[in-house]
Amino acid sequence: MKRHIRLDNHNALGKKGFALQFNWLFVLIGGAILLGFFISIIVNQASQEQQKTAQESNQELDSVLKVSPSTTDIQKVISLNQPNKEISFSCDETSEYSIEGSFQPSHYEYNAIFSPTTLAGKEVIVQALSFDAPFRIMPVVYVTNKAVEYVFVGNSPILTLLYNALPDNATKKATGSGILSSYDNNNFEQTVFVLADESGLNNLHLSHFTSEKDYKRVYAVVVKPAEEAVNYGELIFYNYTGGRFALVGKAPYFDVSQNMRLALGGVISHDKTIYECTTKKILLRTALLTKLHEQRMLYYMNDAGEYCKPYYETAKGLIETIQQYAEKPNPTIDNFKSLLLAIQDLTNLNAYLITTECPRIY
């Protein structure tokens, strides 16, 4: 009888121990689930805060880059709320930029912005300059930062103009062409060599840029004037691949009165796609405003005396030439030469009309 009682007590204790172990296991599992739930909430909240801060930085940058058409020349250094976040730019069928981590990109279809495809750093340098051809077309915005190094190789007149046109706070250096191969690797996010002659890049190896990471952050832009006047010519874009400069492509440029607006855009962006896309915006805007000035001029022509009419007839031909070449989908160097000459002739004609009793063209 006593032996039977001992067995019942033993079974009871076993069941109780099993239940106790099960309860502890349940507590541990439940606690892990609750802990994971709270950690998930904290992580999600932190992620949302980061996205919110990135979006605020996006909006802050947005207010600076989308300048008013009436904006005169400005230059600013913008400190980002989120330092060292990458800013990505693209200009193709859509034009947009975004700060890493933001909810959505900002679009700038109706603004002309020249920039590298990516920028990383605590600050952004923004310069806005008016583009006139010959009347005001629109402000052109240039975006870069101190982490992008622009190295001007040689001492040709066009390189001097471009060196001086870069924003004051940009990282820019000038060097002789003979030492390009041994140029020091200063560990910038991007290094852009600017030359006036592509022959200096043939089979060139940079002895201090030797890793795959180095190859991805080295670029070259050749600004090659068609004539000594430097007002028009060709931009040649290169990437540094496999320890050698590789041709990306070519695109024409023109500049009114050597103000270097388009050529500067090619150097700042050192990207053929962004350069061509932004230039196309400027040209289409030029064609549109030229048409509006033509309509204004035709109104004056109806009431103009015999003395003024020949000037307006000449102006009408020049305006039509500007429209024709500004609307070309794939302009050539010769197209830009004809466009530039028409703009210069229209500028001179308008300046002369100011000295007469005839209403000026613009």
Protein backbone atom coordinates (compact mmCIF):
# COMPACT_ATOMS: atom_id res chain seq x y z
CA MET A 1 0.00 0.00 0.00
CA LYS A 2 2.73 2.42 0.85
CA ARG A 3 4.59 1.48 -2.33
CA HIS A 4 1.49 2.31 -4.35
CA ILE A 5 1.24 5.72 -2.70
CA ARG A 6 4.84 6.51 -3.61
CA LEU A 7 4.14 5.81 -7.28
CA ASP A 8 1.15 8.14 -7.34
CA ASN A 9 3.21 10.94 -5.74
CA HIS A 10 5.98 10.41 -8.29
CA ASN A 11 3.53 10.64 -11.20
CA ALA A 12 1.99 13.77 -9.76
CA LEU A 13 5.35 15.43 -9.35
CA GLY A 14 6.29 14.52 -12.96
CA LYS A 15 3.16 16.07 -14.34
CA LYS A 16 3.69 19.17 -12.21
CA GLY A 17 7.32 19.52 -13.40
CA PHE A 18 6.27 19.10 -17.01
CA ALA A 19 3.63 21.79 -16.61
CA LEU A 20 6.14 24.08 -14.93
CA GLN A 21 8.62 23.59 -17.79
CA PHE A 22 5.87 24.22 -20.34
CA ASN A 23 4.89 27.45 -18.56
CA TRP A 24 8.48 28.67 -18.58
CA LEU A 25 8.80 27.78 -22.26
CA PHE A 26 5.60 29.67 -22.98
CA VAL A 27 6.89 32.70 -21.06
CA LEU A 28 10.18 32.63 -22.96
CA ILE A 29 8.49 32.34 -26.36
CA GLY A 30 5.93 34.98 -25.50
CA GLY A 31 8.64 37.27 -24.17
CA ALA A 32 10.71 36.83 -27.33
CA ILE A 33 7.68 37.64 -29.45
CA LEU A 34 6.91 40.76 -27.40
CA LEU A 35 10.56 41.83 -27.48
CA GLY A 36 10.69 41.33 -31.25
CA PHE A 37 7.47 43.31 -31.60
CA PHE A 38 8.83 46.26 -29.62
CA ILE A 39 12.17 46.12 -31.45
CA SER A 40 10.28 46.14 -34.74
CA ILE A 41 8.33 49.20 -33.62
CA ILE A 42 11.52 51.00 -32.59
CA VAL A 43 13.31 50.10 -35.85
CA ASN A 44 10.32 51.16 -37.95
CA GLN A 45 10.00 54.41 -36.03
CA ALA A 46 13.72 55.13 -36.47
CA SER A 47 13.45 54.31 -40.18
CA GLN A 48 10.45 56.60 -40.54
CA GLU A 49 12.32 59.39 -38.74
CA GLN A 50 15.28 58.95 -41.10
CA GLN A 51 12.95 59.02 -44.11
CA LYS A 52 11.24 62.11 -42.73
CA THR A 53 14.57 63.87 -42.22
CA ALA A 54 15.73 62.84 -45.70
CA GLN A 55 12.49 64.13 -47.20
CA GLU A 56 12.91 67.44 -45.34
CA SER A 57 16.42 67.73 -46.81
CA ASN A 58 14.93 66.92 -50.21
CA GLN A 59 12.39 69.72 -49.84
CA GLU A 60 15.08 72.14 -48.63
CA LEU A 61 17.21 71.36 -51.67
CA ASP A 62 14.10 71.59 -53.83
CA SER A 63 13.48 75.19 -52.79
CA VAL A 64 17.01 76.15 -53.84
CA LEU A 65 17.28 74.23 -57.11
CA LYS A 66 13.90 75.22 -58.52
CA VAL A 67 14.78 78.87 -58.89
CA SER A 68 12.43 81.49 -60.25
CA PRO A 69 12.82 82.40 -63.95
CA SER A 70 13.55 85.96 -62.85
CA THR A 71 16.44 84.87 -60.62
CA THR A 72 19.71 86.69 -61.24
CA ASP A 73 23.11 85.16 -60.64
CA ILE A 74 23.37 83.52 -57.20
CA GLN A 75 25.72 81.17 -55.39
CA LYS A 76 24.97 79.28 -52.18
CA VAL A 77 26.40 76.52 -50.00
CA ILE A 78 23.65 74.33 -48.53
CA SER A 79 24.28 72.22 -45.39
CA LEU A 80 22.21 69.04 -45.44
CA ASN A 81 20.19 67.83 -42.46
CA GLN A 82 21.48 64.34 -43.14
CA PRO A 83 25.24 64.53 -43.73
CA ASN A 84 26.97 62.02 -45.98
CA LYS A 85 23.73 60.87 -47.60
CA GLU A 86 24.04 60.36 -51.34
CA ILE A 87 22.07 62.62 -53.69
CA SER A 88 21.18 61.04 -57.03
CA PHE A 89 20.38 63.05 -60.18
CA SER A 90 18.92 61.82 -63.44
CA CYS A 91 17.80 63.66 -66.57
CA ASP A 92 16.22 61.68 -69.37
CA GLU A 93 12.54 61.09 -70.06
CA THR A 94 11.99 62.41 -66.54
CA SER A 95 14.24 64.74 -64.57
CA GLU A 96 14.53 64.03 -60.86
CA TYR A 97 16.81 64.01 -57.85
CA SER A 98 16.51 62.45 -54.42
CA ILE A 99 18.42 62.22 -51.18
CA GLU A 100 19.14 58.68 -50.04
CA GLY A 101 16.34 57.47 -47.77
CA SER A 102 13.67 59.98 -48.83
CA PHE A 103 10.10 58.85 -49.56
CA GLN A 104 10.04 60.03 -53.16
CA PRO A 105 12.24 61.98 -55.62
CA SER A 106 11.75 65.61 -56.62
CA HIS A 107 11.07 66.34 -60.28
CA TYR A 108 12.53 69.24 -62.25
CA GLU A 109 11.24 68.83 -65.79
CA TYR A 110 11.04 72.60 -66.30
CA ASN A 111 14.37 73.51 -64.74
CA ALA A 112 17.85 73.31 -66.23
CA ILE A 113 20.20 71.66 -63.72
CA PHE A 114 23.75 70.53 -64.50
CA SER A 115 25.08 68.15 -61.84
CA PRO A 116 27.06 64.92 -61.41
CA THR A 117 24.87 61.81 -61.35
CA THR A 118 25.66 61.38 -57.64
CA LEU A 119 26.93 63.61 -54.85
CA ALA A 120 27.92 62.60 -51.33
CA GLY A 121 28.92 64.92 -48.52
CA LYS A 122 27.73 67.30 -45.86
CA GLU A 123 27.26 70.31 -48.15
CA VAL A 124 26.02 71.11 -51.64
CA ILE A 125 27.31 74.03 -53.72
CA VAL A 126 24.59 75.62 -55.86
CA GLN A 127 25.23 78.31 -58.49
CA ALA A 128 22.52 79.80 -60.70
CA LEU A 129 23.44 81.85 -63.78
CA SER A 130 21.21 83.48 -66.35
CA PHE A 131 21.29 82.07 -69.89
CA ASP A 132 20.71 84.77 -72.53
CA ALA A 133 20.39 84.01 -76.25
CA PRO A 134 20.26 87.00 -76.78
CA PHE A 135 17.34 87.83 -74.44
CA ARG A 136 16.92 86.09 -71.10
CA ILE A 137 15.98 82.44 -71.63
CA MET A 138 16.08 80.91 -68.14
CA PRO A 139 18.35 80.49 -65.12
CA VAL A 140 20.78 77.59 -65.38
CA VAL A 141 21.60 75.84 -62.10
CA TYR A 142 24.93 74.13 -61.40
CA VAL A 143 25.23 71.69 -58.49
CA THR A 144 28.42 70.20 -57.08
CA ASN A 145 30.28 70.01 -53.75
CA LYS A 146 33.77 70.09 -52.29
CA ALA A 147 34.09 66.29 -52.56
CA VAL A 148 34.33 66.62 -56.37
CA GLU A 149 37.82 67.64 -57.55
CA TYR A 150 38.09 69.47 -60.90
CA VAL A 151 41.62 69.36 -62.31
CA PHE A 152 42.36 71.65 -65.28
CA VAL A 153 45.19 70.27 -67.37
CA GLY A 154 47.06 72.83 -69.48
CA ASN A 155 46.75 76.57 -69.93
CA SER A 156 44.59 77.16 -73.01
CA PRO A 157 42.22 80.18 -73.05
CA ILE A 158 39.06 78.07 -72.80
CA LEU A 159 40.37 76.25 -69.72
CA THR A 160 41.07 79.60 -68.08
CA LEU A 161 37.51 80.74 -68.79
CA LEU A 162 36.05 77.54 -67.37
CA TYR A 163 38.32 77.56 -64.32
CA ASN A 164 37.13 81.06 -63.47
CA ALA A 165 33.48 80.16 -64.18
CA LEU A 166 33.37 77.38 -61.59
CA PRO A 167 31.70 78.28 -58.26
CA ASP A 168 34.05 79.96 -55.81
CA ASN A 169 33.72 77.17 -53.23
CA ALA A 170 34.31 74.32 -55.67
CA THR A 171 37.48 72.24 -55.38
CA LYS A 172 39.49 73.20 -58.45
CA LYS A 173 43.15 72.92 -59.35
CA ALA A 174 45.34 73.71 -62.36
CA THR A 175 48.26 71.55 -63.46
CA GLY A 176 50.61 71.17 -66.39
CA SER A 177 49.80 68.50 -68.97
CA GLY A 178 53.19 66.81 -68.56
CA ILE A 179 52.48 65.50 -65.04
CA LEU A 180 48.96 64.15 -65.53
CA SER A 181 50.03 60.49 -65.39
CA SER A 182 51.62 61.02 -61.97
CA TYR A 183 48.83 63.19 -60.54
CA ASP A 184 48.29 62.39 -56.85
CA ASN A 185 45.24 60.48 -55.68
CA ASN A 186 43.73 62.88 -53.14
CA ASN A 187 40.86 60.50 -52.27
CA PHE A 188 38.05 62.75 -53.41
CA GLU A 189 34.66 61.21 -54.12
CA GLN A 190 35.19 62.12 -57.78
CA THR A 191 38.16 63.51 -59.72
CA VAL A 192 37.42 65.19 -63.05
CA PHE A 193 40.24 66.07 -65.43
CA VAL A 194 39.39 68.94 -67.80
CA LEU A 195 41.47 69.29 -70.97
CA ALA A 196 41.37 71.14 -74.28
CA ASP A 197 42.92 68.31 -76.30
CA GLU A 198 42.05 64.60 -76.14
CA SER A 199 45.47 63.47 -77.32
CA GLY A 200 46.73 63.73 -73.76
CA LEU A 201 44.41 60.87 -72.79
CA ASN A 202 45.56 58.34 -75.36
CA ASN A 203 46.81 55.21 -73.53
CA LEU A 204 47.23 57.31 -70.40
CA HIS A 205 47.53 55.40 -67.11
CA LEU A 206 47.22 57.23 -63.80
CA SER A 207 49.89 55.71 -61.58
CA HIS A 208 48.17 56.69 -58.31
CA PHE A 209 44.67 55.47 -59.25
CA THR A 210 45.07 51.70 -59.28
CA SER A 211 42.06 50.06 -57.60
CA GLU A 212 38.61 49.21 -58.96
CA LYS A 213 37.20 51.82 -56.58
CA ASP A 214 39.53 54.44 -58.07
CA TYR A 215 38.42 53.56 -61.59
CA LYS A 216 34.79 54.31 -60.74
CA ARG A 217 35.48 57.84 -59.52
CA VAL A 218 37.74 59.25 -62.23
CA TYR A 219 36.40 61.13 -65.27
CA ALA A 220 37.66 63.43 -68.02
CA VAL A 221 35.98 66.11 -70.12
CA VAL A 222 37.71 67.52 -73.18
CA VAL A 223 36.44 70.98 -74.18
CA LYS A 224 37.52 71.34 -77.79
CA PRO A 225 36.75 74.68 -79.52
CA ALA A 226 36.03 74.51 -83.24
CA GLU A 227 37.81 77.83 -83.75
CA GLU A 228 40.03 80.17 -81.76
CA ALA A 229 37.01 82.20 -80.68
CA VAL A 230 36.04 79.29 -78.31
CA ASN A 231 32.35 80.23 -78.62
CA TYR A 232 31.38 76.83 -79.98
CA GLY A 233 32.87 73.40 -80.32
CA GLU A 234 32.70 69.90 -78.92
CA LEU A 235 32.65 68.28 -75.50
CA ILE A 236 34.18 64.80 -75.27
CA PHE A 237 33.29 62.68 -72.22
CA TYR A 238 35.47 59.90 -70.78
CA ASN A 239 35.27 57.37 -67.94
CA TYR A 240 38.32 55.72 -66.41
CA THR A 241 37.92 51.97 -66.94
CA GLY A 242 40.46 49.24 -66.35
CA GLY A 243 43.23 51.72 -65.76
CA ARG A 244 42.64 53.62 -69.02
CA PHE A 245 40.37 56.43 -70.18
CA ALA A 246 37.46 55.11 -72.25
CA LEU A 247 35.43 57.31 -74.59
CA VAL A 248 31.78 57.68 -73.55
CA GLY A 249 30.66 60.05 -76.32
CA LYS A 250 30.70 63.53 -77.82
CA ALA A 251 28.26 66.45 -77.81
CA PRO A 252 28.44 70.00 -79.25
CA TYR A 253 28.32 73.19 -77.22
CA PHE A 254 27.93 76.89 -77.96
CA ASP A 255 28.25 79.90 -75.70
CA VAL A 256 27.15 83.48 -76.18
CA SER A 257 29.79 86.15 -75.51
CA GLN A 258 32.13 83.57 -73.93
CA ASN A 259 29.95 83.23 -70.82
CA MET A 260 30.58 79.45 -70.93
CA ARG A 261 27.13 78.43 -69.65
CA LEU A 262 26.83 75.16 -71.61
CA ALA A 263 30.50 74.16 -71.58
CA LEU A 264 30.53 74.78 -67.82
CA GLY A 265 27.53 72.45 -67.53
CA GLY A 266 29.47 69.72 -69.32
CA VAL A 267 32.38 70.09 -66.90
CA ILE A 268 30.23 70.28 -63.76
CA SER A 269 28.19 67.20 -64.70
CA HIS A 270 30.96 65.27 -66.56
CA ASP A 271 28.06 63.13 -67.77
CA LYS A 272 26.97 63.07 -71.42
CA THR A 273 23.35 62.11 -70.68
CA ILE A 274 22.75 64.88 -68.15
CA TYR A 275 24.55 67.41 -70.35
CA GLU A 276 22.51 66.62 -73.48
CA CYS A 277 19.20 66.40 -71.60
CA THR A 278 19.70 69.75 -69.83
CA THR A 279 20.97 71.47 -72.98
CA LYS A 280 17.87 70.28 -74.84
CA LYS A 281 15.68 71.97 -72.21
CA ILE A 282 17.55 75.24 -72.70
CA LEU A 283 17.27 75.03 -76.49
CA LEU A 284 13.53 74.29 -76.45
CA ARG A 285 13.00 77.20 -74.09
CA THR A 286 15.05 79.35 -76.49
CA ALA A 287 12.82 78.34 -79.42
CA LEU A 288 9.66 79.10 -77.42
CA LEU A 289 10.73 82.56 -76.24
CA THR A 290 12.10 83.43 -79.68
CA LYS A 291 8.64 82.70 -81.11
CA LEU A 292 7.05 85.03 -78.56
CA HIS A 293 9.46 87.83 -79.43
CA GLU A 294 8.72 87.26 -83.11
CA GLN A 295 4.99 87.72 -82.48
CA ARG A 296 5.72 90.93 -80.59
CA MET A 297 7.91 92.18 -83.41
CA LEU A 298 5.30 91.35 -86.08
CA TYR A 299 2.85 93.54 -84.19
CA TYR A 300 5.28 96.46 -84.53
CA MET A 301 5.92 95.68 -88.18
CA ASN A 302 2.28 96.31 -89.08
CA ASP A 303 2.53 99.92 -87.93
CA ALA A 304 6.21 100.54 -88.64
CA GLY A 305 7.22 103.14 -91.18
CA GLU A 306 9.14 102.35 -94.35
CA TYR A 307 12.38 103.18 -92.56
CA CYS A 308 11.91 100.48 -89.89
CA LYS A 309 10.42 97.65 -91.96
CA PRO A 310 13.70 96.45 -93.54
CA TYR A 311 15.23 96.00 -90.07
CA TYR A 312 12.27 93.92 -88.93
CA GLU A 313 12.42 91.80 -92.06
CA THR A 314 16.06 91.07 -91.29
CA ALA A 315 15.20 90.33 -87.66
CA LYS A 316 12.42 87.96 -88.75
CA GLY A 317 14.91 85.91 -90.77
CA LEU A 318 17.33 85.76 -87.83
CA ILE A 319 14.57 84.70 -85.43
CA GLU A 320 13.48 81.95 -87.77
CA THR A 321 17.08 80.72 -87.95
CA ILE A 322 17.32 80.65 -84.15
CA GLN A 323 14.09 78.68 -83.94
CA GLN A 324 15.17 76.26 -86.65
CA TYR A 325 18.44 75.29 -84.99
CA ALA A 326 17.19 75.44 -81.39
CA GLU A 327 14.49 72.87 -82.23
CA LYS A 328 16.79 70.32 -83.86
CA PRO A 329 16.63 67.03 -81.92
CA ASN A 330 20.31 66.16 -82.48
CA PRO A 331 22.21 69.39 -83.19
CA THR A 332 25.70 69.27 -84.69
CA ILE A 333 28.64 71.62 -84.25
CA ASP A 334 27.73 73.35 -87.53
CA ASN A 335 24.13 73.75 -86.31
CA PHE A 336 25.39 75.45 -83.18
CA LYS A 337 27.67 77.69 -85.26
CA SER A 338 24.68 78.87 -87.32
CA LEU A 339 22.61 79.34 -84.16
CA LEU A 340 25.37 81.36 -82.52
CA LEU A 341 25.84 83.62 -85.55
CA ALA A 342 22.08 84.32 -85.72
CA ILE A 343 22.01 85.20 -82.00
CA GLN A 344 24.99 87.54 -82.39
CA ASP A 345 23.48 89.25 -85.45
CA LEU A 346 20.15 89.69 -83.66
CA THR A 347 21.97 91.17 -80.67
CA ASN A 348 23.77 93.70 -82.87
CA LEU A 349 20.59 94.60 -84.76
CA ASN A 350 18.65 95.17 -81.55
CA ALA A 351 21.46 97.36 -80.19
CA TYR A 352 21.32 99.46 -83.36
CA LEU A 353 17.52 99.85 -83.22
CA ILE A 354 17.84 101.33 -79.74
CA THR A 355 19.63 104.30 -81.37
CA THR A 356 16.75 104.85 -83.82
CA GLU A 357 13.04 105.65 -83.51
CA CYS A 358 12.13 102.02 -84.34
CA PRO A 359 10.87 99.87 -81.44
CA ARG A 360 13.51 97.39 -80.41
CA ILE A 361 13.02 93.68 -80.97
CA TYR A 362 13.40 92.63 -77.33
